[in-house]
N, C-alpha and C. Protein backbone atom coordinates (compact mmCIF):
# COMPACT_ATOMS: atom_id res chain seq x y z
N MET A 1 0.76 -1.45 -0.10
CA MET A 1 0.38 -0.18 -0.18
C MET A 1 0.83 0.91 -0.11
N GLU A 2 0.77 1.81 -0.68
CA GLU A 2 1.54 3.71 -1.14
C GLU A 2 0.64 4.73 0.07
N CYS A 3 1.87 5.25 1.05
CA CYS A 3 0.96 6.29 1.62
C CYS A 3 2.01 7.70 1.42
N SER A 4 1.46 8.81 1.76
CA SER A 4 1.49 10.15 1.68
C SER A 4 3.10 9.71 2.18
N LEU A 5 3.97 11.20 1.63
CA LEU A 5 4.75 11.48 2.61
C LEU A 5 4.66 11.82 3.62
N GLU A 6 3.03 12.61 4.51
CA GLU A 6 2.88 12.96 5.16
C GLU A 6 1.93 11.77 5.94
N GLU A 7 1.32 11.56 6.09
CA GLU A 7 1.01 9.81 5.68
C GLU A 7 2.22 9.01 6.66
N LEU A 8 3.24 9.17 5.91
CA LEU A 8 4.57 8.29 6.92
C LEU A 8 4.39 9.20 8.51
N LEU A 9 4.42 10.48 7.78
CA LEU A 9 4.95 11.88 9.29
C LEU A 9 4.26 11.11 10.00
N VAL A 10 3.47 11.24 10.04
CA VAL A 10 2.01 11.27 11.08
C VAL A 10 2.47 9.43 11.78
N ALA A 11 2.61 8.67 11.40
CA ALA A 11 2.79 7.60 11.57
C ALA A 11 4.22 7.83 12.26
N LEU A 12 5.14 8.10 11.60
CA LEU A 12 6.92 8.42 12.49
C LEU A 12 6.16 9.38 13.92
N SER A 13 5.74 10.27 13.32
CA SER A 13 5.00 10.74 15.14
C SER A 13 4.24 10.00 16.04
N ASP A 14 3.60 9.62 16.17
CA ASP A 14 3.01 9.08 17.20
C ASP A 14 3.53 8.11 17.56
N LYS A 15 4.70 6.68 17.13
CA LYS A 15 5.27 6.20 16.86
C LYS A 15 6.54 7.10 18.05
N LEU A 16 7.10 7.77 17.50
CA LEU A 16 8.04 8.41 17.86
C LEU A 16 7.42 9.00 19.16
N TRP A 17 7.10 9.93 19.90
CA TRP A 17 5.70 10.16 21.06
C TRP A 17 5.04 9.44 21.22
N LYS A 18 5.19 7.35 21.60
CA LYS A 18 4.99 6.54 23.09
C LYS A 18 6.36 5.73 22.59
N GLY A 19 7.39 6.68 22.75
CA GLY A 19 8.60 6.08 22.40
C GLY A 19 9.57 4.55 22.09
N LYS A 20 8.58 4.69 20.43
CA LYS A 20 9.07 3.93 20.03
C LYS A 20 9.70 3.72 18.45
N ARG A 21 11.00 3.21 18.58
CA ARG A 21 11.61 3.44 16.91
C ARG A 21 11.35 2.22 15.84
N GLU A 22 10.88 2.80 14.56
CA GLU A 22 10.66 1.45 13.36
C GLU A 22 11.81 2.17 12.64
N ALA A 23 13.38 1.16 12.62
CA ALA A 23 14.25 1.96 11.50
C ALA A 23 13.66 1.56 9.71
N LYS A 24 12.36 0.84 9.51
CA LYS A 24 12.45 0.86 8.98
C LYS A 24 10.69 2.44 7.99
N LEU A 25 10.17 2.68 9.59
CA LEU A 25 10.07 3.90 8.86
C LEU A 25 10.39 4.70 8.70
N GLU A 26 11.20 4.41 9.82
CA GLU A 26 12.56 6.48 9.39
C GLU A 26 12.68 5.99 8.10
N GLU A 27 13.29 5.06 8.07
CA GLU A 27 14.05 5.37 7.05
C GLU A 27 13.41 5.22 5.90
N GLU A 28 12.03 5.30 5.08
CA GLU A 28 11.33 5.69 4.07
C GLU A 28 10.84 7.13 4.69
N VAL A 29 11.01 8.21 5.01
CA VAL A 29 9.90 9.24 5.89
C VAL A 29 11.53 9.27 5.77
N ILE A 30 13.26 9.24 6.02
CA ILE A 30 14.76 9.90 5.90
C ILE A 30 14.67 9.77 3.45
N ASN A 31 13.99 8.36 3.35
CA ASN A 31 13.96 8.38 1.99
C ASN A 31 13.71 9.37 0.98
N ARG A 32 12.32 9.52 2.26
CA ARG A 32 10.83 10.32 0.62
C ARG A 32 11.39 12.06 1.53
N LEU A 33 11.91 11.73 2.38
CA LEU A 33 12.94 13.78 1.64
C LEU A 33 14.30 14.32 1.68
N SER A 34 14.74 13.06 1.17
CA SER A 34 16.10 12.90 0.76
C SER A 34 16.16 12.99 -0.90
N LYS A 35 15.05 12.69 -1.04
CA LYS A 35 14.62 13.21 -2.93
C LYS A 35 13.52 14.65 -2.95
N LEU A 36 12.91 14.42 -1.96
CA LEU A 36 12.73 15.95 -1.99
C LEU A 36 12.57 16.75 -2.31
N THR A 37 14.72 16.61 -1.13
CA THR A 37 15.14 17.73 -1.11
C THR A 37 16.31 17.58 -1.96
N GLY A 38 16.66 16.96 -2.01
CA GLY A 38 17.87 16.69 -2.77
C GLY A 38 18.93 16.59 -1.72
N GLN A 39 19.12 16.72 -0.31
CA GLN A 39 19.86 16.18 0.65
C GLN A 39 20.36 15.09 -0.21
N ASP A 40 22.20 14.57 0.85
CA ASP A 40 22.37 13.87 0.72
C ASP A 40 20.95 12.26 2.17
N TYR A 41 21.23 11.86 1.57
CA TYR A 41 20.15 10.60 2.91
C TYR A 41 20.95 10.56 3.69
N TRP A 42 22.46 10.13 3.69
CA TRP A 42 22.94 9.95 5.77
C TRP A 42 23.48 11.76 5.88
N HIS A 43 23.17 12.74 5.70
CA HIS A 43 23.62 13.59 6.25
C HIS A 43 22.08 14.04 7.25
N LEU A 44 20.78 13.52 5.77
CA LEU A 44 19.83 14.01 6.64
C LEU A 44 19.34 13.03 7.98
N PHE A 45 19.94 11.88 7.82
CA PHE A 45 19.95 10.22 7.68
C PHE A 45 20.10 11.23 9.93
N ILE A 46 21.63 11.19 9.63
CA ILE A 46 22.34 11.33 10.60
C ILE A 46 21.92 12.33 12.04
N ASP A 47 21.06 13.56 11.31
CA ASP A 47 20.47 15.08 11.17
C ASP A 47 19.45 14.55 11.73
N LEU A 48 18.68 13.37 11.64
CA LEU A 48 17.04 13.42 11.87
C LEU A 48 17.21 11.74 12.73
N ASP A 49 17.74 10.85 12.88
CA ASP A 49 18.58 10.03 13.93
C ASP A 49 18.21 10.74 14.77
N ASN A 50 19.39 12.24 15.54
CA ASN A 50 19.61 12.20 16.48
C ASN A 50 17.61 13.01 17.37
N HIS A 51 17.30 13.47 16.60
CA HIS A 51 16.10 14.70 16.36
C HIS A 51 15.15 13.33 17.48
N PHE A 52 14.91 12.29 16.71
CA PHE A 52 13.66 10.55 16.30
C PHE A 52 14.15 10.68 17.71
N GLU A 53 15.44 10.13 18.15
CA GLU A 53 16.34 9.74 19.85
C GLU A 53 15.70 10.48 20.77
N MET A 54 16.04 11.39 20.39
CA MET A 54 14.98 12.93 21.76
C MET A 54 13.21 12.27 22.54
N ILE A 55 13.18 12.50 21.06
CA ILE A 55 11.53 12.95 20.95
C ILE A 55 11.22 11.27 21.52
N ALA A 56 12.11 9.93 21.41
CA ALA A 56 11.85 8.47 21.46
C ALA A 56 11.93 8.83 23.40
N SER A 57 13.10 8.75 23.60
CA SER A 57 13.34 8.99 25.18
C SER A 57 12.64 9.23 26.64
N GLY A 58 11.46 10.60 25.19
CA GLY A 58 10.34 10.50 26.21
C GLY A 58 9.11 10.08 26.30
N GLY A 59 9.27 9.14 25.40
CA GLY A 59 8.17 8.04 25.01
C GLY A 59 6.59 8.29 26.36
N GLU A 60 8.22 7.01 27.00
CA GLU A 60 6.80 6.59 28.45
C GLU A 60 6.77 7.75 28.81
N GLU A 61 7.78 7.69 29.82
CA GLU A 61 6.98 9.18 31.10
C GLU A 61 5.87 10.42 29.91
N ARG A 62 5.53 10.36 28.81
CA ARG A 62 4.50 10.70 28.09
C ARG A 62 3.46 9.92 28.31
N LEU A 63 3.74 8.57 28.78
CA LEU A 63 2.82 8.08 28.45
C LEU A 63 2.82 7.83 30.15
N VAL A 64 2.93 7.60 30.51
CA VAL A 64 2.92 7.48 32.35
C VAL A 64 1.75 8.60 32.72
N ARG A 65 2.13 9.35 31.37
CA ARG A 65 1.40 11.11 32.29
C ARG A 65 -0.81 10.66 31.46
N SER A 66 0.18 10.70 30.42
CA SER A 66 -1.79 10.87 29.80
C SER A 66 -2.63 9.19 29.96
C-alpha cells in the first residue's frame, strides 16, 4: 500500500511520541525527504536520527502522564 509523505510523518510522529523506534518507517521518511529536498540521505539520517532519539526517549514518561 502506497502512503503519502504526510501519512508516513503522522505514523512516525505517533511511534516516536510513544517512545518507539521503527527503523523501516524512519528510513522511508528520510529517503522521501532526501529525494524531495535533494539533500544527501546520510546527512539527513544523522541529523534526524538524533532528533528521533531525543523525541522517543521521553515516550514512556509521556505515556505515564496521559
